[in-house]
C-alpha cells in the first residue's frame, strides 16, 4: 500500500466516524428536545431551536440540523429556546455521543452528564435534570448581571 493510500484511508476513516457521530448527535438532540417538551408539558409552540454560532434569521423555524454546530469542546451545541410567562429565552445545550451513550451539557460550561436515551428512566432523569438546572439558574443566577457577573448561561431573546 502506498503512503498516499494510507493517508486516503485515514481521511476516509475519520470522515466516516465524524459523519456517524454527527448523525447520532442530531438524532439524540431531536429525542432530547421533543422529550423535554413533552416531559415538561410545554404548550404547543413554546419550544423553539436556534443557532448559537450565528445571528438567527428572522422568521426562520430552525430544525435540529440548522440549529446545531460543533465546538472545540467536542460537543454539538444548539440553542434550546423556550417561551415561559410570555418571555422567550435560550439556553446552550451541548450533546455528544460517546461509547453508545449520550453526553449532555446544560449551559456552555455545565458539567457533562451521561445518559442512555434508549432507557426511558434515564431520559426522564435527563429532562428532570434540565428543568431543575433552569429553575436553579433563575432562582440563583438570573440577576448576577446586576452585580457585574459576566457569565451568561441563559439569554433572553426577542426574535423568532
Protein backbone atom coordinates (compact mmCIF):
# COMPACT_ATOMS: atom_id res chain seq x y z
CA UNK A 1 0.00 0.00 0.00
CA UNK A 2 1.33 3.42 -0.93
CA UNK A 3 1.71 6.27 1.56
CA UNK A 4 -0.96 8.11 -0.38
CA UNK A 5 -3.36 5.18 0.06
CA UNK A 6 -2.59 5.10 3.80
CA UNK A 7 -3.40 8.81 4.08
CA UNK A 8 -6.55 8.40 1.99
CA UNK A 9 -7.71 5.50 4.19
CA UNK A 10 -7.06 7.59 7.32
CA UNK A 11 -9.02 10.55 5.91
CA UNK A 12 -11.93 8.32 4.88
CA UNK A 13 -11.97 6.61 8.27
CA UNK A 14 -12.10 9.92 10.12
CA UNK A 15 -14.78 11.26 7.77
CA UNK A 16 -16.93 8.17 8.36
CA UNK A 17 -16.53 8.46 12.16
CA UNK A 18 -17.26 12.20 12.04
CA UNK A 19 -20.42 11.71 9.95
CA UNK A 20 -21.59 8.89 12.19
CA UNK A 21 -21.05 10.99 15.34
CA UNK A 22 -22.75 14.00 13.77
CA UNK A 23 -25.82 11.98 12.75
CA UNK A 24 -26.03 10.31 16.17
CA UNK A 25 -25.81 13.73 17.85
CA UNK A 26 -28.56 15.13 15.60
CA UNK A 27 -30.77 12.15 16.43
CA UNK A 28 -30.07 12.49 20.16
CA UNK A 29 -30.86 16.22 20.04
CA UNK A 30 -34.22 15.52 18.41
CA UNK A 31 -35.07 12.95 21.08
CA UNK A 32 -33.99 15.32 23.85
CA UNK A 33 -35.83 18.38 22.55
CA UNK A 34 -39.08 16.53 21.86
CA UNK A 35 -38.90 14.52 25.07
CA UNK A 36 -38.16 17.61 27.18
CA UNK A 37 -41.11 19.42 25.63
CA UNK A 38 -43.45 16.52 26.44
CA UNK A 39 -41.97 15.77 29.88
CA UNK A 40 -42.38 19.38 31.00
CA UNK A 41 -45.78 19.67 29.30
CA UNK A 42 -44.92 22.82 27.38
CA UNK A 43 -47.86 24.28 25.47
CA UNK A 44 -47.50 23.79 21.74
CA UNK A 45 -45.20 26.33 20.13
CA UNK A 46 -43.37 27.24 23.34
CA UNK A 47 -40.17 25.36 22.43
CA UNK A 48 -38.01 26.53 19.54
CA UNK A 49 -34.48 25.97 18.28
CA UNK A 50 -31.93 28.47 17.12
CA UNK A 51 -28.23 28.53 16.24
CA UNK A 52 -25.79 29.88 18.79
CA UNK A 53 -22.86 30.38 16.43
CA UNK A 54 -24.54 32.96 14.19
CA UNK A 55 -27.32 35.50 14.29
CA UNK A 56 -30.65 33.73 13.73
CA UNK A 57 -32.66 34.85 10.73
CA UNK A 58 -36.00 36.49 11.39
CA UNK A 59 -38.97 34.28 10.65
CA UNK A 60 -36.93 31.08 10.26
CA UNK A 61 -38.06 28.00 12.17
CA UNK A 62 -34.84 26.06 12.74
CA UNK A 63 -34.58 22.29 12.75
CA UNK A 64 -32.04 20.41 14.86
CA UNK A 65 -29.67 20.27 11.88
CA UNK A 66 -29.98 24.00 11.20
CA UNK A 67 -29.53 24.96 14.84
CA UNK A 68 -26.57 22.72 15.76
CA UNK A 69 -22.90 23.45 15.37
CA UNK A 70 -19.72 21.76 16.56
CA UNK A 71 -17.37 23.44 19.03
CA UNK A 72 -13.83 22.73 20.17
CA UNK A 73 -15.11 21.22 23.43
CA UNK A 74 -16.20 18.16 21.41
CA UNK A 75 -19.91 18.85 21.80
CA UNK A 76 -22.56 19.68 19.23
CA UNK A 77 -24.35 22.79 20.54
CA UNK A 78 -27.77 24.18 19.87
CA UNK A 79 -29.90 26.91 21.31
CA UNK A 80 -32.91 25.41 23.04
CA UNK A 81 -35.45 28.19 23.21
CA UNK A 82 -38.46 28.36 25.47
CA UNK A 83 -41.32 30.73 25.97
CA UNK A 84 -42.34 30.89 29.63
CA UNK A 85 -44.52 33.60 31.16
CA UNK A 86 -44.56 35.42 27.81
CA UNK A 87 -40.75 35.72 27.89
CA UNK A 88 -38.51 33.96 25.42
CA UNK A 89 -35.11 32.71 26.44
CA UNK A 90 -32.46 30.43 25.01
CA UNK A 91 -30.04 28.10 26.71
CA UNK A 92 -26.96 26.39 25.37
CA UNK A 93 -27.41 22.63 25.15
CA UNK A 94 -24.31 20.57 24.32
CA UNK A 95 -24.63 16.98 23.08
CA UNK A 96 -22.13 14.31 22.10
CA UNK A 97 -22.21 10.56 21.58
CA UNK A 98 -19.58 8.53 23.43
CA UNK A 99 -19.39 4.74 23.73
CA UNK A 100 -23.06 4.26 22.86
CA UNK A 101 -24.27 6.80 25.43
CA UNK A 102 -25.32 10.41 25.05
CA UNK A 103 -23.36 13.01 26.99
CA UNK A 104 -25.25 16.23 27.69
CA UNK A 105 -24.15 19.63 28.99
CA UNK A 106 -26.82 22.05 30.11
CA UNK A 107 -25.24 25.50 29.69
CA UNK A 108 -21.95 26.12 27.89
CA UNK A 109 -19.85 25.46 30.98
CA UNK A 110 -22.11 22.83 32.51
CA UNK A 111 -20.84 19.55 33.90
CA UNK A 112 -21.24 16.81 31.25
CA UNK A 113 -23.59 14.00 32.27
CA UNK A 114 -24.01 10.66 30.52
CA UNK A 115 -27.44 9.22 29.70
CA UNK A 116 -28.76 6.19 27.82
CA UNK A 117 -31.52 7.66 25.67
CA UNK A 118 -32.83 4.16 24.92
CA UNK A 119 -33.77 3.88 28.61
CA UNK A 120 -36.98 5.75 29.47
CA UNK A 121 -36.00 6.20 33.12
CA UNK A 122 -32.68 7.78 32.11
CA UNK A 123 -34.40 10.02 29.56
CA UNK A 124 -36.82 11.22 32.22
CA UNK A 125 -33.89 11.76 34.61
CA UNK A 126 -32.27 13.93 31.93
CA UNK A 127 -35.41 16.02 31.39
CA UNK A 128 -35.85 16.46 35.13
CA UNK A 129 -32.17 17.43 35.44
CA UNK A 130 -32.55 20.01 32.66
CA UNK A 131 -35.68 21.53 34.19
CA UNK A 132 -34.03 21.64 37.63
CA UNK A 133 -30.94 23.39 36.22
CA UNK A 134 -33.12 26.02 34.56
CA UNK A 135 -35.14 26.63 37.72
CA UNK A 136 -31.96 26.78 39.80
CA UNK A 137 -30.43 29.29 37.38
CA UNK A 138 -33.46 31.56 37.58
CA UNK A 139 -33.63 31.20 41.37
CA UNK A 140 -29.96 31.94 41.98
CA UNK A 141 -28.20 33.44 38.96
CA UNK A 142 -30.58 35.33 36.73
CA UNK A 143 -29.76 38.69 38.32
CA UNK A 144 -25.98 38.17 38.56
CA UNK A 145 -25.51 40.62 35.71
CA UNK A 146 -26.68 43.37 38.00
CA UNK A 147 -23.72 42.57 40.27
CA UNK A 148 -21.20 42.63 37.42
CA UNK A 149 -21.05 38.88 36.72
CA UNK A 150 -20.21 38.18 33.10
CA UNK A 151 -21.16 34.50 32.63
CA UNK A 152 -24.41 34.34 30.72
CA UNK A 153 -25.97 30.88 30.91
CA UNK A 154 -29.42 31.73 29.63
CA UNK A 155 -30.10 34.64 27.33
CA UNK A 156 -33.41 36.37 26.85
CA UNK A 157 -34.38 36.54 23.20
CA UNK A 158 -36.84 38.79 21.42
CA UNK A 159 -36.72 37.39 17.89
CA UNK A 160 -38.06 34.17 16.47
